[in-house]
Amino acid sequence: MAQYLVSVQRPKGYDGRTESAEMRAEIGALNNEMVAAGVRVFVGGLREPDSAKALRRAEDGGVTVTDGPYVESREFVGGFWVLEVASLDEALAWGRKAAAACRCSIEVRPFH
């Protein structure tokens, strides 16, 4: 079995508080389906990028901490699942369900 990151890609400025009850119910049903299938290892939602701290190694060997995301982007990771499945095809099938439930782009990426 292989593990895959299935990440939710949200547009900059997206406010999760505006998600409809229907959408939240569909995401909840997807989570329940993943648990019932025994594929969900971990799931997590993330706050907006402005709440992030970026840490960078400085030339002197120290580390600087700044407010905000590491990179500026039009999209950000809004949440994710770690799934353990038999194949990429199975991970993509779950990714399709996630795209439908979350009404957004999904990235599926294998772990080493």
C-alpha atoms as a PDB file:
ATOM      1  CA  MET A   1       0.000   0.000   0.000  1.00  0.00           C
ATOM      2  CA  ALA A   2       1.199   3.495  -0.811  1.00  0.00           C
ATOM      3  CA  GLN A   3       0.372   6.795   0.839  1.00  0.00           C
ATOM      4  CA  TYR A   4      -0.820   9.844  -1.083  1.00  0.00           C
ATOM      5  CA  LEU A   5      -1.395  13.463  -0.191  1.00  0.00           C
ATOM      6  CA  VAL A   6      -4.732  14.656  -1.554  1.00  0.00           C
ATOM      7  CA  SER A   7      -4.655  18.437  -1.143  1.00  0.00           C
ATOM      8  CA  VAL A   8      -7.436  20.979  -1.570  1.00  0.00           C
ATOM      9  CA  GLN A   9      -6.393  24.000  -3.674  1.00  0.00           C
ATOM     10  CA  ARG A  10      -8.277  27.195  -2.828  1.00  0.00           C
ATOM     11  CA  PRO A  11      -8.083  30.578  -4.577  1.00  0.00           C
ATOM     12  CA  LYS A  12      -6.416  33.465  -2.777  1.00  0.00           C
ATOM     13  CA  GLY A  13      -9.004  35.267  -0.656  1.00  0.00           C
ATOM     14  CA  TYR A  14     -11.176  32.168  -0.192  1.00  0.00           C
ATOM     15  CA  ASP A  15     -13.159  32.286   3.043  1.00  0.00           C
ATOM     16  CA  GLY A  16     -14.153  28.842   4.319  1.00  0.00           C
ATOM     17  CA  ARG A  17     -16.881  30.410   6.455  1.00  0.00           C
ATOM     18  CA  THR A  18     -18.866  30.960   3.251  1.00  0.00           C
ATOM     19  CA  GLU A  19     -19.135  27.227   2.479  1.00  0.00           C
ATOM     20  CA  SER A  20     -22.725  26.068   2.217  1.00  0.00           C
ATOM     21  CA  ALA A  21     -24.268  23.513   4.547  1.00  0.00           C
ATOM     22  CA  GLU A  22     -24.657  21.242   1.505  1.00  0.00           C
ATOM     23  CA  MET A  23     -20.932  21.438   0.738  1.00  0.00           C
ATOM     24  CA  ARG A  24     -19.962  20.754   4.365  1.00  0.00           C
ATOM     25  CA  ALA A  25     -22.313  17.761   4.380  1.00  0.00           C
ATOM     26  CA  GLU A  26     -20.750  16.379   1.175  1.00  0.00           C
ATOM     27  CA  ILE A  27     -17.237  16.744   2.606  1.00  0.00           C
ATOM     28  CA  GLY A  28     -18.394  15.063   5.821  1.00  0.00           C
ATOM     29  CA  ALA A  29     -19.914  12.203   3.828  1.00  0.00           C
ATOM     30  CA  LEU A  30     -16.659  11.819   1.879  1.00  0.00           C
ATOM     31  CA  ASN A  31     -14.701  11.660   5.138  1.00  0.00           C
ATOM     32  CA  ASN A  32     -17.066   8.985   6.442  1.00  0.00           C
ATOM     33  CA  GLU A  33     -16.700   7.023   3.195  1.00  0.00           C
ATOM     34  CA  MET A  34     -12.895   7.185   3.446  1.00  0.00           C
ATOM     35  CA  VAL A  35     -12.982   5.942   7.048  1.00  0.00           C
ATOM     36  CA  ALA A  36     -15.394   3.123   6.151  1.00  0.00           C
ATOM     37  CA  ALA A  37     -13.102   2.085   3.271  1.00  0.00           C
ATOM     38  CA  GLY A  38     -10.106   2.091   5.624  1.00  0.00           C
ATOM     39  CA  VAL A  39      -8.045   4.450   3.440  1.00  0.00           C
ATOM     40  CA  ARG A  40      -7.938   7.631   5.527  1.00  0.00           C
ATOM     41  CA  VAL A  41      -4.749   8.004   7.565  1.00  0.00           C
ATOM     42  CA  PHE A  42      -5.142  11.685   8.483  1.00  0.00           C
ATOM     43  CA  VAL A  43      -7.211  14.699   7.481  1.00  0.00           C
ATOM     44  CA  GLY A  44      -6.759  18.375   8.270  1.00  0.00           C
ATOM     45  CA  GLY A  45      -8.102  21.755   7.286  1.00  0.00           C
ATOM     46  CA  LEU A  46      -5.746  24.731   7.199  1.00  0.00           C
ATOM     47  CA  ARG A  47      -6.330  28.357   8.036  1.00  0.00           C
ATOM     48  CA  GLU A  48      -5.710  31.058   5.451  1.00  0.00           C
ATOM     49  CA  PRO A  49      -2.114  31.722   4.294  1.00  0.00           C
ATOM     50  CA  ASP A  50      -1.966  35.059   6.135  1.00  0.00           C
ATOM     51  CA  SER A  51      -1.901  33.076   9.401  1.00  0.00           C
ATOM     52  CA  ALA A  52       1.331  31.311   8.364  1.00  0.00           C
ATOM     53  CA  LYS A  53       4.883  31.944   9.522  1.00  0.00           C
ATOM     54  CA  ALA A  54       7.701  31.434   7.024  1.00  0.00           C
ATOM     55  CA  LEU A  55      11.103  30.274   8.283  1.00  0.00           C
ATOM     56  CA  ARG A  56      14.185  30.728   6.128  1.00  0.00           C
ATOM     57  CA  ARG A  57      17.772  29.744   6.739  1.00  0.00           C
ATOM     58  CA  ALA A  58      20.029  32.781   6.617  1.00  0.00           C
ATOM     59  CA  GLU A  59      23.550  32.838   5.163  1.00  0.00           C
ATOM     60  CA  ASP A  60      25.021  33.067   8.676  1.00  0.00           C
ATOM     61  CA  GLY A  61      23.311  29.773   9.595  1.00  0.00           C
ATOM     62  CA  GLY A  62      20.551  31.411  11.609  1.00  0.00           C
ATOM     63  CA  VAL A  63      16.870  31.208  10.833  1.00  0.00           C
ATOM     64  CA  THR A  64      14.579  34.169  10.196  1.00  0.00           C
ATOM     65  CA  VAL A  65      10.853  34.070  10.850  1.00  0.00           C
ATOM     66  CA  THR A  66       8.472  36.286   8.904  1.00  0.00           C
ATOM     67  CA  ASP A  67       4.705  36.656   8.810  1.00  0.00           C
ATOM     68  CA  GLY A  68       2.729  35.229   5.946  1.00  0.00           C
ATOM     69  CA  PRO A  69       3.153  32.387   3.495  1.00  0.00           C
ATOM     70  CA  TYR A  70       6.523  31.243   2.173  1.00  0.00           C
ATOM     71  CA  VAL A  71       5.503  32.032  -1.413  1.00  0.00           C
ATOM     72  CA  GLU A  72       2.990  34.402  -2.948  1.00  0.00           C
ATOM     73  CA  SER A  73       0.458  32.521  -5.014  1.00  0.00           C
ATOM     74  CA  ARG A  74      -2.997  32.788  -6.545  1.00  0.00           C
ATOM     75  CA  GLU A  75      -3.928  29.510  -4.822  1.00  0.00           C
ATOM     76  CA  PHE A  76      -3.151  27.928  -1.488  1.00  0.00           C
ATOM     77  CA  VAL A  77      -3.579  24.575   0.218  1.00  0.00           C
ATOM     78  CA  GLY A  78      -6.789  24.832   2.209  1.00  0.00           C
ATOM     79  CA  GLY A  79      -6.769  21.309   3.605  1.00  0.00           C
ATOM     80  CA  PHE A  80      -5.673  17.799   2.862  1.00  0.00           C
ATOM     81  CA  TRP A  81      -6.079  14.090   3.365  1.00  0.00           C
ATOM     82  CA  VAL A  82      -3.345  11.495   3.730  1.00  0.00           C
ATOM     83  CA  LEU A  83      -4.674   8.288   2.193  1.00  0.00           C
ATOM     84  CA  GLU A  84      -3.229   4.796   2.109  1.00  0.00           C
ATOM     85  CA  VAL A  85      -4.375   2.997  -1.021  1.00  0.00           C
ATOM     86  CA  ALA A  86      -3.258   0.241  -3.374  1.00  0.00           C
ATOM     87  CA  SER A  87      -2.524   2.395  -6.428  1.00  0.00           C
ATOM     88  CA  LEU A  88      -2.365   5.828  -8.018  1.00  0.00           C
ATOM     89  CA  ASP A  89      -5.633   5.025  -9.798  1.00  0.00           C
ATOM     90  CA  GLU A  90      -7.342   4.506  -6.444  1.00  0.00           C
ATOM     91  CA  ALA A  91      -5.859   7.750  -5.090  1.00  0.00           C
ATOM     92  CA  LEU A  92      -7.126   9.574  -8.182  1.00  0.00           C
ATOM     93  CA  ALA A  93     -10.605   8.099  -7.698  1.00  0.00           C
ATOM     94  CA  TRP A  94     -10.671   9.569  -4.183  1.00  0.00           C
ATOM     95  CA  GLY A  95      -9.285  12.835  -5.586  1.00  0.00           C
ATOM     96  CA  ARG A  96     -12.179  13.019  -8.050  1.00  0.00           C
ATOM     97  CA  LYS A  97     -14.647  12.617  -5.178  1.00  0.00           C
ATOM     98  CA  ALA A  98     -12.801  15.315  -3.234  1.00  0.00           C
ATOM     99  CA  ALA A  99     -12.929  17.724  -6.190  1.00  0.00           C
ATOM    100  CA  ALA A 100     -16.681  17.194  -6.458  1.00  0.00           C
ATOM    101  CA  ALA A 101     -17.338  17.579  -2.716  1.00  0.00           C
ATOM    102  CA  CYS A 102     -14.994  20.555  -2.206  1.00  0.00           C
ATOM    103  CA  ARG A 103     -15.936  22.215  -5.505  1.00  0.00           C
ATOM    104  CA  CYS A 104     -12.313  23.051  -6.294  1.00  0.00           C
ATOM    105  CA  SER A 105      -9.049  21.776  -7.710  1.00  0.00           C
ATOM    106  CA  ILE A 106      -7.370  18.856  -5.972  1.00  0.00           C
ATOM    107  CA  GLU A 107      -3.745  17.755  -6.170  1.00  0.00           C
ATOM    108  CA  VAL A 108      -2.837  14.087  -5.644  1.00  0.00           C
ATOM    109  CA  ARG A 109       0.814  13.440  -4.830  1.00  0.00           C
ATOM    110  CA  PRO A 110       2.557  10.264  -3.658  1.00  0.00           C
ATOM    111  CA  PHE A 111       4.818  10.141  -0.616  1.00  0.00           C
ATOM    112  CA  HIS A 112       8.322   8.703  -1.011  1.00  0.00           C
END
